[in-house]
Amino acid sequence: MVVKIIKRILSFILVFILMASFPQCSTAQKLQKKTPAQFGEVYYQNWTSGLQAGGSGLNIFIPVTGTSIIFDSVYFRGKASKLETNSNDKELFVGRFKTETYQPKDILLSSDSNEEYANQMPIKGMKVPWELKDDQCVVSYQEDNKMQYYKISNIKPKAPINFPSAPPNKQ
């Protein structure tokens, strides 16, 4: 009887030690509370090409001043995009998101399934690990060789850009 109790206690302790020895794995990345940089007014702007197959999208603009942090990506409205620096302004980061609207969708339908291999698979939305409102985004950045995440709120919309279908006549 005593041996059974000791075996149960030892097995419980062994299971507890095994569970405690694994690092806490979590799919959700922790958001930093401290601002990693001084952000200006973050805004987004929709755009539409004047050409039928030209596409459309949304760009998010993140002005940052006085920091040496390397920004990597932005997560906005269920999508992710790498951040680029603006060629004219190194303190303005831009995330570019193409939308499905106005994208060419040539689909080949055939009785021979081998001919349909050229069709592209639909793009599936990625799972963003945070609950974000429409006016919030998360930026990822490198700090001390570790990826960090910071949430930005109150992102304002700017007037959309509609590109003309042809350049203006120069006369």
N, C-alpha and C. Protein backbone atom coordinates (compact mmCIF):
# COMPACT_ATOMS: atom_id res chain seq x y z
N MET A 1 0.82 -1.19 0.00
CA MET A 1 0.00 0.00 0.00
C MET A 1 0.86 1.25 0.00
N VAL A 2 1.86 1.27 0.86
CA VAL A 2 2.76 2.41 0.95
C VAL A 2 3.55 2.54 -0.35
N VAL A 3 3.91 1.44 -0.95
CA VAL A 3 4.67 1.45 -2.20
C VAL A 3 3.83 2.09 -3.31
N LYS A 4 2.54 1.78 -3.38
CA LYS A 4 1.66 2.38 -4.39
C LYS A 4 1.57 3.89 -4.22
N ILE A 5 1.46 4.33 -2.99
CA ILE A 5 1.38 5.78 -2.73
C ILE A 5 2.68 6.47 -3.12
N ILE A 6 3.81 5.86 -2.80
CA ILE A 6 5.11 6.43 -3.16
C ILE A 6 5.26 6.48 -4.68
N LYS A 7 4.83 5.40 -5.38
CA LYS A 7 4.90 5.39 -6.85
C LYS A 7 4.04 6.51 -7.45
N ARG A 8 2.84 6.71 -6.90
CA ARG A 8 1.97 7.78 -7.40
C ARG A 8 2.59 9.15 -7.16
N ILE A 9 3.14 9.35 -5.99
CA ILE A 9 3.77 10.65 -5.68
C ILE A 9 4.97 10.87 -6.60
N LEU A 10 5.79 9.85 -6.79
CA LEU A 10 6.96 9.98 -7.67
C LEU A 10 6.54 10.24 -9.12
N SER A 11 5.50 9.56 -9.59
CA SER A 11 5.04 9.80 -10.97
C SER A 11 4.48 11.22 -11.11
N PHE A 12 3.76 11.69 -10.10
CA PHE A 12 3.24 13.05 -10.11
C PHE A 12 4.39 14.06 -10.15
N ILE A 13 5.42 13.84 -9.33
CA ILE A 13 6.57 14.75 -9.30
C ILE A 13 7.31 14.71 -10.63
N LEU A 14 7.46 13.52 -11.22
CA LEU A 14 8.13 13.39 -12.50
C LEU A 14 7.37 14.13 -13.61
N VAL A 15 6.06 13.97 -13.65
CA VAL A 15 5.25 14.69 -14.65
C VAL A 15 5.36 16.20 -14.43
N PHE A 16 5.31 16.63 -13.20
CA PHE A 16 5.41 18.05 -12.88
C PHE A 16 6.76 18.61 -13.33
N ILE A 17 7.85 17.89 -13.07
CA ILE A 17 9.19 18.33 -13.47
C ILE A 17 9.29 18.40 -14.99
N LEU A 18 8.75 17.40 -15.68
CA LEU A 18 8.78 17.42 -17.14
C LEU A 18 8.02 18.61 -17.70
N MET A 19 6.84 18.88 -17.15
CA MET A 19 6.04 20.01 -17.65
C MET A 19 6.73 21.33 -17.35
N ALA A 20 7.36 21.45 -16.19
CA ALA A 20 8.02 22.69 -15.82
C ALA A 20 9.31 22.91 -16.59
N SER A 21 9.94 21.83 -17.08
CA SER A 21 11.22 21.97 -17.77
C SER A 21 11.07 22.48 -19.19
N PHE A 22 9.90 22.31 -19.80
CA PHE A 22 9.69 22.84 -21.14
C PHE A 22 9.47 24.34 -21.06
N PRO A 23 10.07 25.09 -21.98
CA PRO A 23 9.79 26.53 -21.97
C PRO A 23 8.33 26.77 -22.33
N GLN A 24 7.81 27.82 -21.82
CA GLN A 24 6.40 28.12 -22.08
C GLN A 24 6.25 28.51 -23.54
N CYS A 25 5.64 27.64 -24.31
CA CYS A 25 5.42 27.90 -25.72
C CYS A 25 4.09 28.60 -25.88
N SER A 26 4.11 29.62 -26.69
CA SER A 26 2.88 30.35 -26.94
C SER A 26 2.91 30.84 -28.37
N THR A 27 1.78 30.74 -29.06
CA THR A 27 1.73 31.22 -30.44
C THR A 27 1.55 32.73 -30.48
N ALA A 28 1.08 33.32 -29.42
CA ALA A 28 0.87 34.76 -29.40
C ALA A 28 2.14 35.47 -28.93
N GLN A 29 2.62 36.38 -29.74
CA GLN A 29 3.78 37.15 -29.37
C GLN A 29 3.33 38.26 -28.40
N LYS A 30 4.19 38.56 -27.46
CA LYS A 30 3.85 39.58 -26.47
C LYS A 30 4.06 40.96 -27.06
N LEU A 31 3.11 41.83 -26.80
CA LEU A 31 3.22 43.21 -27.24
C LEU A 31 3.96 44.01 -26.18
N GLN A 32 4.87 44.85 -26.64
CA GLN A 32 5.64 45.70 -25.73
C GLN A 32 4.78 46.89 -25.30
N LYS A 33 4.87 47.26 -24.06
CA LYS A 33 4.12 48.41 -23.55
C LYS A 33 4.89 49.70 -23.75
N LYS A 34 6.22 49.61 -23.73
CA LYS A 34 7.07 50.80 -23.88
C LYS A 34 7.25 51.11 -25.36
N THR A 35 7.06 52.36 -25.73
CA THR A 35 7.22 52.79 -27.12
C THR A 35 8.67 52.63 -27.55
N PRO A 36 8.94 51.89 -28.65
CA PRO A 36 10.32 51.69 -29.08
C PRO A 36 10.91 52.90 -29.81
N ALA A 37 10.03 53.82 -30.25
CA ALA A 37 10.48 54.99 -31.01
C ALA A 37 9.43 56.08 -30.90
N GLN A 38 9.77 57.24 -31.39
CA GLN A 38 8.81 58.35 -31.42
C GLN A 38 8.07 58.28 -32.76
N PHE A 39 6.77 57.96 -32.71
CA PHE A 39 5.97 57.83 -33.92
C PHE A 39 5.25 59.14 -34.20
N GLY A 40 5.21 59.51 -35.50
CA GLY A 40 4.39 60.63 -35.93
C GLY A 40 2.97 60.14 -36.15
N GLU A 41 2.19 60.89 -36.91
CA GLU A 41 0.81 60.48 -37.20
C GLU A 41 0.82 59.33 -38.21
N VAL A 42 0.41 58.15 -37.76
CA VAL A 42 0.35 56.97 -38.61
C VAL A 42 -0.96 57.02 -39.38
N TYR A 43 -0.89 56.80 -40.69
CA TYR A 43 -2.10 56.85 -41.52
C TYR A 43 -2.02 55.80 -42.62
N TYR A 44 -3.20 55.53 -43.21
CA TYR A 44 -3.24 54.61 -44.35
C TYR A 44 -3.98 55.29 -45.49
N GLN A 45 -3.72 54.78 -46.69
CA GLN A 45 -4.32 55.37 -47.89
C GLN A 45 -4.60 54.26 -48.89
N ASN A 46 -5.86 54.17 -49.32
CA ASN A 46 -6.23 53.22 -50.37
C ASN A 46 -5.81 53.79 -51.72
N TRP A 47 -5.52 52.93 -52.67
CA TRP A 47 -5.21 53.36 -54.02
C TRP A 47 -5.84 52.40 -55.01
N THR A 48 -6.14 52.94 -56.18
CA THR A 48 -6.73 52.15 -57.27
C THR A 48 -6.06 52.55 -58.56
N SER A 49 -5.68 51.56 -59.35
CA SER A 49 -5.08 51.81 -60.65
C SER A 49 -6.17 52.17 -61.65
N GLY A 50 -5.83 53.00 -62.59
CA GLY A 50 -6.78 53.36 -63.63
C GLY A 50 -6.92 52.29 -64.69
N LEU A 51 -6.02 51.32 -64.69
CA LEU A 51 -6.07 50.24 -65.66
C LEU A 51 -6.87 49.08 -65.08
N GLN A 52 -7.58 48.38 -65.93
CA GLN A 52 -8.44 47.29 -65.47
C GLN A 52 -7.65 46.21 -64.74
N ALA A 53 -6.48 45.86 -65.24
CA ALA A 53 -5.68 44.82 -64.59
C ALA A 53 -4.59 45.41 -63.70
N GLY A 54 -4.66 46.71 -63.42
CA GLY A 54 -3.62 47.39 -62.65
C GLY A 54 -3.66 47.12 -61.16
N GLY A 55 -4.81 46.72 -60.67
CA GLY A 55 -4.91 46.37 -59.26
C GLY A 55 -5.32 47.52 -58.36
N SER A 56 -5.34 47.22 -57.09
CA SER A 56 -5.66 48.20 -56.07
C SER A 56 -4.99 47.74 -54.79
N GLY A 57 -4.99 48.60 -53.80
CA GLY A 57 -4.35 48.22 -52.55
C GLY A 57 -4.50 49.28 -51.49
N LEU A 58 -3.71 49.09 -50.46
CA LEU A 58 -3.72 49.98 -49.32
C LEU A 58 -2.27 50.11 -48.86
N ASN A 59 -1.83 51.32 -48.60
CA ASN A 59 -0.50 51.56 -48.06
C ASN A 59 -0.65 52.16 -46.68
N ILE A 60 0.15 51.71 -45.74
CA ILE A 60 0.15 52.28 -44.40
C ILE A 60 1.49 53.00 -44.21
N PHE A 61 1.44 54.23 -43.70
CA PHE A 61 2.61 55.08 -43.56
C PHE A 61 2.90 55.29 -42.07
N ILE A 62 4.12 54.97 -41.67
CA ILE A 62 4.51 55.06 -40.26
C ILE A 62 5.74 55.96 -40.15
N PRO A 63 5.53 57.24 -39.78
CA PRO A 63 6.68 58.14 -39.58
C PRO A 63 7.33 57.89 -38.22
N VAL A 64 8.65 57.76 -38.22
CA VAL A 64 9.40 57.48 -37.00
C VAL A 64 10.57 58.46 -36.94
N THR A 65 10.80 59.03 -35.76
CA THR A 65 11.92 59.96 -35.62
C THR A 65 12.89 59.48 -34.56
N GLY A 66 14.16 59.78 -34.81
CA GLY A 66 15.22 59.57 -33.84
C GLY A 66 15.35 58.19 -33.25
N THR A 67 15.51 57.17 -34.08
CA THR A 67 15.69 55.83 -33.55
C THR A 67 16.66 55.05 -34.43
N SER A 68 17.33 54.09 -33.83
CA SER A 68 18.22 53.21 -34.58
C SER A 68 17.63 51.81 -34.69
N ILE A 69 16.37 51.68 -34.29
CA ILE A 69 15.69 50.38 -34.34
C ILE A 69 15.44 49.97 -35.79
N ILE A 70 15.58 48.70 -36.06
CA ILE A 70 15.33 48.16 -37.40
C ILE A 70 13.89 47.63 -37.41
N PHE A 71 13.00 48.33 -38.11
CA PHE A 71 11.61 47.88 -38.22
C PHE A 71 11.52 46.83 -39.32
N ASP A 72 10.71 45.80 -39.08
CA ASP A 72 10.64 44.67 -39.98
C ASP A 72 9.33 44.60 -40.74
N SER A 73 8.20 44.45 -40.02
CA SER A 73 6.91 44.21 -40.67
C SER A 73 5.81 44.99 -39.97
N VAL A 74 4.67 45.06 -40.66
CA VAL A 74 3.48 45.66 -40.07
C VAL A 74 2.32 44.68 -40.27
N TYR A 75 1.47 44.56 -39.25
CA TYR A 75 0.28 43.72 -39.28
C TYR A 75 -0.92 44.65 -39.19
N PHE A 76 -1.78 44.61 -40.22
CA PHE A 76 -2.88 45.55 -40.30
C PHE A 76 -4.06 44.88 -40.99
N ARG A 77 -5.21 44.90 -40.34
CA ARG A 77 -6.46 44.37 -40.89
C ARG A 77 -6.33 42.94 -41.40
N GLY A 78 -5.71 42.10 -40.58
CA GLY A 78 -5.62 40.68 -40.90
C GLY A 78 -4.55 40.31 -41.91
N LYS A 79 -3.68 41.24 -42.26
CA LYS A 79 -2.63 40.97 -43.23
C LYS A 79 -1.29 41.45 -42.68
N ALA A 80 -0.22 40.96 -43.28
CA ALA A 80 1.12 41.37 -42.90
C ALA A 80 1.88 41.84 -44.12
N SER A 81 2.78 42.80 -43.92
CA SER A 81 3.59 43.31 -45.00
C SER A 81 4.96 43.71 -44.44
N LYS A 82 5.99 43.51 -45.24
CA LYS A 82 7.32 43.99 -44.86
C LYS A 82 7.30 45.52 -44.93
N LEU A 83 7.99 46.15 -44.01
CA LEU A 83 8.08 47.61 -44.03
C LEU A 83 9.27 48.03 -44.88
N GLU A 84 9.05 49.04 -45.70
CA GLU A 84 10.10 49.61 -46.54
C GLU A 84 10.31 51.04 -46.10
N THR A 85 11.52 51.55 -46.31
CA THR A 85 11.73 52.98 -46.06
C THR A 85 11.44 53.72 -47.34
N ASN A 86 10.92 54.90 -47.19
CA ASN A 86 10.64 55.76 -48.33
C ASN A 86 11.98 56.27 -48.86
N SER A 87 12.17 56.28 -50.18
CA SER A 87 13.45 56.69 -50.76
C SER A 87 13.74 58.17 -50.49
N ASN A 88 12.71 59.00 -50.36
CA ASN A 88 12.91 60.43 -50.10
C ASN A 88 13.03 60.75 -48.61
N ASP A 89 12.47 59.91 -47.77
CA ASP A 89 12.42 60.18 -46.34
C ASP A 89 12.74 58.89 -45.58
N LYS A 90 13.95 58.78 -45.06
CA LYS A 90 14.40 57.55 -44.37
C LYS A 90 13.69 57.34 -43.04
N GLU A 91 12.93 58.32 -42.56
CA GLU A 91 12.20 58.18 -41.30
C GLU A 91 10.73 57.85 -41.53
N LEU A 92 10.36 57.53 -42.78
CA LEU A 92 8.99 57.16 -43.10
C LEU A 92 8.99 55.71 -43.60
N PHE A 93 8.32 54.85 -42.85
CA PHE A 93 8.20 53.44 -43.22
C PHE A 93 6.85 53.21 -43.88
N VAL A 94 6.84 52.37 -44.92
CA VAL A 94 5.62 52.11 -45.68
C VAL A 94 5.39 50.60 -45.76
N GLY A 95 4.16 50.20 -45.44
CA GLY A 95 3.73 48.82 -45.64
C GLY A 95 2.73 48.80 -46.78
N ARG A 96 2.92 47.91 -47.74
CA ARG A 96 2.08 47.88 -48.94
C ARG A 96 1.26 46.59 -48.97
N PHE A 97 -0.06 46.76 -49.12
CA PHE A 97 -0.97 45.62 -49.16
C PHE A 97 -1.74 45.68 -50.47
N LYS A 98 -1.62 44.66 -51.31
CA LYS A 98 -2.43 44.58 -52.53
C LYS A 98 -3.74 43.90 -52.19
N THR A 99 -4.81 44.37 -52.79
CA THR A 99 -6.11 43.74 -52.58
C THR A 99 -6.48 42.94 -53.81
N GLU A 100 -7.46 42.08 -53.66
CA GLU A 100 -7.91 41.23 -54.76
C GLU A 100 -8.72 42.01 -55.79
N THR A 101 -9.25 43.15 -55.41
CA THR A 101 -10.09 43.93 -56.31
C THR A 101 -9.29 44.37 -57.52
N TYR A 102 -9.86 44.25 -58.67
CA TYR A 102 -9.29 44.67 -59.96
C TYR A 102 -8.04 43.89 -60.34
N GLN A 103 -7.81 42.74 -59.75
CA GLN A 103 -6.68 41.91 -60.13
C GLN A 103 -7.12 40.98 -61.25
N PRO A 104 -6.26 40.76 -62.24
CA PRO A 104 -6.63 39.83 -63.31
C PRO A 104 -6.78 38.42 -62.76
N LYS A 105 -7.84 37.74 -63.16
CA LYS A 105 -8.09 36.38 -62.68
C LYS A 105 -8.38 35.49 -63.87
N ASP A 106 -7.34 35.15 -64.60
CA ASP A 106 -7.50 34.24 -65.72
C ASP A 106 -7.50 32.82 -65.18
N ILE A 107 -8.62 32.16 -65.33
CA ILE A 107 -8.76 30.79 -64.85
C ILE A 107 -9.03 29.91 -66.06
N LEU A 108 -8.23 28.88 -66.18
CA LEU A 108 -8.37 27.96 -67.28
C LEU A 108 -9.21 26.78 -66.81
N LEU A 109 -10.34 26.57 -67.47
CA LEU A 109 -11.20 25.43 -67.16
C LEU A 109 -11.13 24.46 -68.34
N SER A 110 -10.91 23.21 -68.03
CA SER A 110 -10.76 22.22 -69.09
C SER A 110 -11.23 20.86 -68.57
N SER A 111 -11.61 20.00 -69.51
CA SER A 111 -11.98 18.64 -69.12
C SER A 111 -10.72 17.83 -68.78
N ASP A 112 -9.56 18.31 -69.23
CA ASP A 112 -8.29 17.67 -68.90
C ASP A 112 -7.67 18.42 -67.71
N SER A 113 -7.62 17.77 -66.57
CA SER A 113 -7.14 18.45 -65.36
C SER A 113 -5.68 18.87 -65.46
N ASN A 114 -4.88 18.24 -66.31
CA ASN A 114 -3.47 18.63 -66.47
C ASN A 114 -3.36 20.05 -67.04
N GLU A 115 -4.32 20.47 -67.83
CA GLU A 115 -4.29 21.81 -68.41
C GLU A 115 -4.61 22.89 -67.36
N GLU A 116 -5.21 22.50 -66.25
CA GLU A 116 -5.59 23.46 -65.22
C GLU A 116 -4.47 23.72 -64.21
N TYR A 117 -3.31 23.08 -64.38
CA TYR A 117 -2.19 23.30 -63.46
C TYR A 117 -1.69 24.74 -63.50
N ALA A 118 -1.92 25.45 -64.59
CA ALA A 118 -1.45 26.83 -64.70
C ALA A 118 -2.28 27.78 -63.83
N ASN A 119 -3.45 27.36 -63.38
CA ASN A 119 -4.28 28.22 -62.52
C ASN A 119 -3.58 28.44 -61.19
N GLN A 120 -3.66 29.67 -60.71
CA GLN A 120 -3.06 29.98 -59.41
C GLN A 120 -4.02 29.64 -58.29
N MET A 121 -3.46 29.18 -57.20
CA MET A 121 -4.27 28.87 -56.01
C MET A 121 -4.73 30.18 -55.39
N PRO A 122 -5.91 30.20 -54.80
CA PRO A 122 -6.35 31.42 -54.12
C PRO A 122 -5.46 31.71 -52.93
N ILE A 123 -5.24 33.00 -52.69
CA ILE A 123 -4.39 33.41 -51.57
C ILE A 123 -5.22 33.38 -50.30
N LYS A 124 -4.73 32.64 -49.34
CA LYS A 124 -5.44 32.50 -48.08
C LYS A 124 -4.91 33.55 -47.10
N GLY A 125 -5.80 34.19 -46.38
CA GLY A 125 -5.39 35.19 -45.40
C GLY A 125 -4.60 34.56 -44.28
N MET A 126 -3.64 35.30 -43.78
CA MET A 126 -2.83 34.76 -42.69
C MET A 126 -3.50 35.02 -41.35
N LYS A 127 -3.14 34.24 -40.38
CA LYS A 127 -3.68 34.39 -39.03
C LYS A 127 -2.79 35.35 -38.27
N VAL A 128 -3.33 36.51 -37.95
CA VAL A 128 -2.60 37.49 -37.16
C VAL A 128 -2.83 37.15 -35.69
N PRO A 129 -1.76 37.04 -34.90
CA PRO A 129 -1.91 36.55 -33.52
C PRO A 129 -2.47 37.56 -32.52
N TRP A 130 -2.98 38.70 -32.98
CA TRP A 130 -3.54 39.69 -32.06
C TRP A 130 -4.93 40.09 -32.50
N GLU A 131 -5.74 40.48 -31.55
CA GLU A 131 -7.06 41.04 -31.86
C GLU A 131 -6.85 42.53 -32.08
N LEU A 132 -7.03 42.98 -33.31
CA LEU A 132 -6.80 44.38 -33.64
C LEU A 132 -8.07 45.00 -34.20
N LYS A 133 -8.31 46.25 -33.82
CA LYS A 133 -9.42 47.01 -34.40
C LYS A 133 -8.97 47.53 -35.76
N ASP A 134 -9.91 48.08 -36.54
CA ASP A 134 -9.57 48.60 -37.87
C ASP A 134 -8.60 49.77 -37.83
N ASP A 135 -8.52 50.47 -36.68
CA ASP A 135 -7.61 51.61 -36.59
C ASP A 135 -6.35 51.27 -35.78
N GLN A 136 -5.99 49.99 -35.74
CA GLN A 136 -4.80 49.55 -35.01
C GLN A 136 -3.91 48.68 -35.90
N CYS A 137 -2.61 48.76 -35.66
CA CYS A 137 -1.67 47.88 -36.33
C CYS A 137 -0.61 47.47 -35.31
N VAL A 138 0.17 46.47 -35.66
CA VAL A 138 1.30 46.05 -34.85
C VAL A 138 2.52 46.09 -35.75
N VAL A 139 3.60 46.71 -35.25
CA VAL A 139 4.87 46.72 -35.98
C VAL A 139 5.83 45.77 -35.27
N SER A 140 6.61 45.07 -36.07
CA SER A 140 7.65 44.21 -35.49
C SER A 140 9.00 44.87 -35.77
N TYR A 141 9.91 44.69 -34.83
CA TYR A 141 11.22 45.31 -34.94
C TYR A 141 12.25 44.47 -34.20
N GLN A 142 13.50 44.65 -34.59
CA GLN A 142 14.60 43.93 -33.95
C GLN A 142 15.19 44.81 -32.85
N GLU A 143 15.34 44.22 -31.68
CA GLU A 143 16.01 44.90 -30.59
C GLU A 143 16.81 43.86 -29.82
N ASP A 144 18.11 44.09 -29.71
CA ASP A 144 19.00 43.13 -29.05
C ASP A 144 18.88 41.74 -29.67
N ASN A 145 18.83 41.69 -31.01
CA ASN A 145 18.72 40.45 -31.77
C ASN A 145 17.49 39.63 -31.41
N LYS A 146 16.45 40.29 -30.96
CA LYS A 146 15.20 39.62 -30.60
C LYS A 146 14.05 40.38 -31.26
N MET A 147 13.10 39.64 -31.83
CA MET A 147 11.95 40.27 -32.48
C MET A 147 10.97 40.74 -31.40
N GLN A 148 10.58 42.01 -31.49
CA GLN A 148 9.65 42.62 -30.55
C GLN A 148 8.44 43.12 -31.34
N TYR A 149 7.33 43.36 -30.62
CA TYR A 149 6.09 43.79 -31.27
C TYR A 149 5.48 44.93 -30.47
N TYR A 150 4.99 45.94 -31.20
CA TYR A 150 4.38 47.09 -30.54
C TYR A 150 3.10 47.47 -31.29
N LYS A 151 2.03 47.71 -30.53
CA LYS A 151 0.73 48.07 -31.12
C LYS A 151 0.60 49.59 -31.22
N ILE A 152 0.16 50.04 -32.39
CA ILE A 152 -0.10 51.46 -32.64
C ILE A 152 -1.60 51.61 -32.85
N SER A 153 -2.20 52.59 -32.19
CA SER A 153 -3.65 52.83 -32.30
C SER A 153 -3.91 54.17 -32.96
N ASN A 154 -5.18 54.43 -33.24
CA ASN A 154 -5.66 55.70 -33.82
C ASN A 154 -5.03 55.98 -35.19
N ILE A 155 -4.99 54.97 -36.04
CA ILE A 155 -4.49 55.15 -37.40
C ILE A 155 -5.58 55.82 -38.22
N LYS A 156 -5.23 56.91 -38.85
CA LYS A 156 -6.20 57.73 -39.58
C LYS A 156 -6.19 57.39 -41.07
N PRO A 157 -7.37 57.43 -41.70
CA PRO A 157 -7.42 57.26 -43.17
C PRO A 157 -7.14 58.59 -43.86
N LYS A 158 -6.49 58.53 -45.00
CA LYS A 158 -6.30 59.70 -45.87
C LYS A 158 -7.12 59.46 -47.13
N ALA A 159 -7.36 60.52 -47.88
CA ALA A 159 -8.14 60.42 -49.11
C ALA A 159 -7.48 59.41 -50.06
N PRO A 160 -8.29 58.56 -50.69
CA PRO A 160 -7.72 57.55 -51.60
C PRO A 160 -7.09 58.19 -52.83
N ILE A 161 -6.15 57.46 -53.42
CA ILE A 161 -5.49 57.90 -54.65
C ILE A 161 -6.05 57.05 -55.79
N ASN A 162 -6.57 57.70 -56.80
CA ASN A 162 -7.06 57.01 -57.99
C ASN A 162 -6.15 57.41 -59.15
N PHE A 163 -5.33 56.47 -59.58
CA PHE A 163 -4.40 56.75 -60.66
C PHE A 163 -5.15 56.79 -61.98
N PRO A 164 -4.81 57.75 -62.85
CA PRO A 164 -5.49 57.82 -64.15
C PRO A 164 -5.11 56.64 -65.03
N SER A 165 -5.98 56.35 -66.01
CA SER A 165 -5.74 55.21 -66.90
C SER A 165 -4.69 55.54 -67.96
N ALA A 166 -4.44 56.80 -68.22
CA ALA A 166 -3.45 57.19 -69.21
C ALA A 166 -2.77 58.47 -68.74
N PRO A 167 -1.50 58.67 -69.12
CA PRO A 167 -0.84 59.91 -68.72
C PRO A 167 -1.50 61.10 -69.40
N PRO A 168 -1.47 62.27 -68.78
CA PRO A 168 -2.10 63.44 -69.40
C PRO A 168 -1.39 63.84 -70.68
N ASN A 169 -2.16 64.43 -71.61
CA ASN A 169 -1.60 64.90 -72.88
C ASN A 169 -0.72 66.11 -72.62
N LYS A 170 0.50 66.09 -73.17
CA LYS A 170 1.41 67.24 -73.05
C LYS A 170 1.40 67.96 -74.38
N GLN A 171 0.76 69.11 -74.44
CA GLN A 171 0.70 69.87 -75.70
C GLN A 171 1.29 71.22 -75.53
